[in-house]
Structures are given as C-alpha cells and as structure tokens.
Amino acid sequence: MITEHFLRFLRHLLPFQAAVVVVVVQIDLLASIPLAHRLVVPLAFQVVVPLALHVVLQVAALVAAFQSLLQLY
C-alpha cells in the first residue's frame, strides 16, 4: 500500500525530482548500515560500489521512463 502511494507521488514529480527522491531514499538505507564500524575497507568497497552503481542505473532508468512518458503526451 505504501509502495502504491509512493509510486503515485513519483508520477507527479518531474523526472529530476523523482530521481533525487530515489537517491535520497537509497542513501538513507545505506547510511543505516554501519559500514565504517563493522566491516573492513575491502568488504565495504564490495558493498558500496555495487550499490552506488545500482543507484545510478535506477536513476537513469527512472529518468528514461519519465522522458518516454512525456513523449507520449
């Protein structure tokens, strides 16, 4: 139910604003993991680099989806 409301909220935003919302949510999730205190540096890089790549790809996909929707209208 929360996901449906969140998706409706994202549909009303501009593509850049929606991308920023996704990045902020994922950065908040990343910050909740105490990487610096519990994991060694190589393991932290193994977690952070793929997550950062995932965020970048999600933002790119979200922007592309909104641009394609805008072209339809």
N, C-alpha and C. Protein backbone atom coordinates (compact mmCIF):
# COMPACT_ATOMS: atom_id res chain seq x y z
N MET A 1 0.82 -1.19 0.00
CA MET A 1 0.00 0.00 0.00
C MET A 1 0.87 1.26 0.00
N ILE A 2 1.90 1.26 0.82
CA ILE A 2 2.80 2.41 0.84
C ILE A 2 3.50 2.54 -0.51
N THR A 3 3.85 1.42 -1.11
CA THR A 3 4.52 1.46 -2.41
C THR A 3 3.64 2.10 -3.47
N GLU A 4 2.34 1.79 -3.46
CA GLU A 4 1.43 2.40 -4.43
C GLU A 4 1.36 3.91 -4.26
N HIS A 5 1.28 4.37 -3.02
CA HIS A 5 1.24 5.81 -2.76
C HIS A 5 2.55 6.47 -3.18
N PHE A 6 3.66 5.79 -2.91
CA PHE A 6 4.97 6.33 -3.27
C PHE A 6 5.10 6.43 -4.79
N LEU A 7 4.62 5.42 -5.52
CA LEU A 7 4.68 5.45 -6.98
C LEU A 7 3.78 6.55 -7.54
N ARG A 8 2.61 6.74 -6.95
CA ARG A 8 1.73 7.84 -7.39
C ARG A 8 2.41 9.19 -7.15
N PHE A 9 3.06 9.30 -6.00
CA PHE A 9 3.79 10.52 -5.68
C PHE A 9 4.89 10.77 -6.71
N LEU A 10 5.63 9.72 -7.07
CA LEU A 10 6.71 9.87 -8.05
C LEU A 10 6.18 10.26 -9.43
N ARG A 11 5.00 9.79 -9.78
CA ARG A 11 4.44 10.11 -11.10
C ARG A 11 4.13 11.59 -11.24
N HIS A 12 3.88 12.27 -10.14
CA HIS A 12 3.53 13.68 -10.20
C HIS A 12 4.76 14.59 -10.16
N LEU A 13 5.91 14.03 -9.90
CA LEU A 13 7.13 14.83 -9.86
C LEU A 13 7.76 14.93 -11.24
N LEU A 14 8.60 15.92 -11.39
CA LEU A 14 9.41 15.99 -12.60
C LEU A 14 10.44 14.87 -12.55
N PRO A 15 10.98 14.45 -13.69
CA PRO A 15 11.94 13.34 -13.69
C PRO A 15 13.13 13.57 -12.75
N PHE A 16 13.69 14.78 -12.75
CA PHE A 16 14.84 15.04 -11.90
C PHE A 16 14.46 14.93 -10.42
N GLN A 17 13.31 15.48 -10.06
CA GLN A 17 12.87 15.42 -8.66
C GLN A 17 12.64 13.98 -8.24
N ALA A 18 12.04 13.18 -9.09
CA ALA A 18 11.80 11.78 -8.77
C ALA A 18 13.11 11.04 -8.60
N ALA A 19 14.09 11.33 -9.46
CA ALA A 19 15.39 10.69 -9.35
C ALA A 19 16.06 11.06 -8.03
N VAL A 20 15.94 12.31 -7.63
CA VAL A 20 16.52 12.75 -6.35
C VAL A 20 15.87 12.03 -5.19
N VAL A 21 14.55 11.84 -5.24
CA VAL A 21 13.85 11.12 -4.17
C VAL A 21 14.37 9.71 -4.05
N VAL A 22 14.55 9.02 -5.17
CA VAL A 22 15.06 7.65 -5.15
C VAL A 22 16.46 7.60 -4.58
N VAL A 23 17.32 8.53 -4.99
CA VAL A 23 18.69 8.54 -4.49
C VAL A 23 18.72 8.82 -2.99
N VAL A 24 17.94 9.77 -2.52
CA VAL A 24 17.91 10.10 -1.09
C VAL A 24 17.44 8.91 -0.27
N VAL A 25 16.41 8.22 -0.74
CA VAL A 25 15.91 7.04 -0.02
C VAL A 25 17.00 5.98 0.05
N GLN A 26 17.71 5.75 -1.05
CA GLN A 26 18.73 4.71 -1.05
C GLN A 26 19.95 5.12 -0.23
N ILE A 27 20.31 6.40 -0.24
CA ILE A 27 21.42 6.87 0.60
C ILE A 27 21.05 6.70 2.06
N ASP A 28 19.80 6.97 2.42
CA ASP A 28 19.34 6.77 3.79
C ASP A 28 19.46 5.29 4.18
N LEU A 29 19.10 4.39 3.28
CA LEU A 29 19.24 2.96 3.56
C LEU A 29 20.70 2.58 3.73
N LEU A 30 21.57 3.16 2.90
CA LEU A 30 23.00 2.88 3.00
C LEU A 30 23.56 3.41 4.31
N ALA A 31 23.10 4.59 4.73
CA ALA A 31 23.61 5.19 5.97
C ALA A 31 23.18 4.39 7.19
N SER A 32 22.10 3.64 7.08
CA SER A 32 21.65 2.85 8.23
C SER A 32 22.53 1.62 8.45
N ILE A 33 23.37 1.29 7.48
CA ILE A 33 24.30 0.17 7.64
C ILE A 33 25.62 0.74 8.14
N PRO A 34 26.05 0.37 9.32
CA PRO A 34 27.29 0.94 9.86
C PRO A 34 28.53 0.32 9.21
N LEU A 35 28.77 0.66 7.96
CA LEU A 35 29.89 0.07 7.22
C LEU A 35 31.24 0.42 7.84
N ALA A 36 31.39 1.65 8.23
CA ALA A 36 32.69 2.11 8.71
C ALA A 36 33.11 1.43 10.00
N HIS A 37 32.16 0.99 10.81
CA HIS A 37 32.50 0.45 12.12
C HIS A 37 32.60 -1.07 12.14
N ARG A 38 31.87 -1.75 11.28
CA ARG A 38 31.81 -3.20 11.39
C ARG A 38 32.48 -3.97 10.27
N LEU A 39 32.73 -3.31 9.14
CA LEU A 39 33.30 -4.01 8.00
C LEU A 39 34.68 -3.47 7.68
N VAL A 40 35.53 -4.32 7.18
CA VAL A 40 36.85 -3.86 6.74
C VAL A 40 36.69 -3.13 5.42
N VAL A 41 37.71 -2.34 5.06
CA VAL A 41 37.61 -1.47 3.89
C VAL A 41 37.35 -2.25 2.59
N PRO A 42 38.05 -3.34 2.30
CA PRO A 42 37.74 -4.05 1.03
C PRO A 42 36.29 -4.55 0.97
N LEU A 43 35.78 -5.03 2.08
CA LEU A 43 34.40 -5.50 2.10
C LEU A 43 33.43 -4.34 1.92
N ALA A 44 33.78 -3.20 2.51
CA ALA A 44 32.93 -2.01 2.34
C ALA A 44 32.88 -1.60 0.87
N PHE A 45 34.02 -1.67 0.19
CA PHE A 45 34.02 -1.34 -1.23
C PHE A 45 33.21 -2.35 -2.03
N GLN A 46 33.24 -3.60 -1.61
CA GLN A 46 32.45 -4.62 -2.31
C GLN A 46 30.96 -4.36 -2.15
N VAL A 47 30.57 -3.70 -1.08
CA VAL A 47 29.16 -3.40 -0.86
C VAL A 47 28.78 -2.05 -1.47
N VAL A 48 29.62 -1.04 -1.26
CA VAL A 48 29.28 0.33 -1.66
C VAL A 48 29.31 0.51 -3.18
N VAL A 49 30.33 -0.01 -3.83
CA VAL A 49 30.45 0.20 -5.28
C VAL A 49 29.27 -0.40 -6.04
N PRO A 50 28.89 -1.67 -5.79
CA PRO A 50 27.70 -2.18 -6.50
C PRO A 50 26.42 -1.43 -6.15
N LEU A 51 26.29 -0.99 -4.89
CA LEU A 51 25.10 -0.25 -4.50
C LEU A 51 25.05 1.10 -5.22
N ALA A 52 26.20 1.77 -5.30
CA ALA A 52 26.25 3.06 -6.00
C ALA A 52 25.92 2.87 -7.48
N LEU A 53 26.45 1.81 -8.08
CA LEU A 53 26.15 1.53 -9.48
C LEU A 53 24.66 1.24 -9.66
N HIS A 54 24.09 0.52 -8.72
CA HIS A 54 22.66 0.21 -8.76
C HIS A 54 21.83 1.49 -8.69
N VAL A 55 22.22 2.41 -7.82
CA VAL A 55 21.50 3.69 -7.68
C VAL A 55 21.59 4.48 -8.99
N VAL A 56 22.78 4.55 -9.56
CA VAL A 56 22.95 5.30 -10.81
C VAL A 56 22.09 4.69 -11.92
N LEU A 57 22.09 3.36 -12.02
CA LEU A 57 21.29 2.71 -13.06
C LEU A 57 19.79 2.91 -12.82
N GLN A 58 19.38 2.89 -11.56
CA GLN A 58 17.96 3.11 -11.26
C GLN A 58 17.53 4.52 -11.62
N VAL A 59 18.37 5.48 -11.29
CA VAL A 59 18.06 6.87 -11.62
C VAL A 59 17.98 7.05 -13.13
N ALA A 60 18.93 6.46 -13.84
CA ALA A 60 18.91 6.57 -15.31
C ALA A 60 17.65 5.93 -15.89
N ALA A 61 17.27 4.78 -15.36
CA ALA A 61 16.06 4.11 -15.84
C ALA A 61 14.81 4.93 -15.52
N LEU A 62 14.79 5.53 -14.34
CA LEU A 62 13.64 6.34 -13.94
C LEU A 62 13.51 7.57 -14.82
N VAL A 63 14.62 8.23 -15.08
CA VAL A 63 14.60 9.42 -15.94
C VAL A 63 14.17 9.03 -17.36
N ALA A 64 14.69 7.91 -17.85
CA ALA A 64 14.31 7.45 -19.20
C ALA A 64 12.82 7.12 -19.26
N ALA A 65 12.30 6.51 -18.21
CA ALA A 65 10.87 6.17 -18.19
C ALA A 65 10.01 7.43 -18.20
N PHE A 66 10.39 8.42 -17.41
CA PHE A 66 9.62 9.66 -17.39
C PHE A 66 9.73 10.40 -18.72
N GLN A 67 10.89 10.37 -19.34
CA GLN A 67 11.03 11.03 -20.64
C GLN A 67 10.16 10.34 -21.69
N SER A 68 10.10 9.02 -21.64
CA SER A 68 9.26 8.32 -22.61
C SER A 68 7.78 8.61 -22.35
N LEU A 69 7.40 8.74 -21.07
CA LEU A 69 6.02 9.10 -20.76
C LEU A 69 5.69 10.51 -21.25
N LEU A 70 6.64 11.42 -21.10
CA LEU A 70 6.41 12.78 -21.56
C LEU A 70 6.28 12.84 -23.07
N GLN A 71 6.99 11.99 -23.78
CA GLN A 71 6.89 11.97 -25.24
C GLN A 71 5.54 11.44 -25.69
N LEU A 72 4.92 10.58 -24.88
CA LEU A 72 3.61 10.05 -25.24
C LEU A 72 2.54 11.12 -25.17
N TYR A 73 2.72 12.07 -24.25
CA TYR A 73 1.71 13.12 -24.07
C TYR A 73 2.20 14.32 -24.77
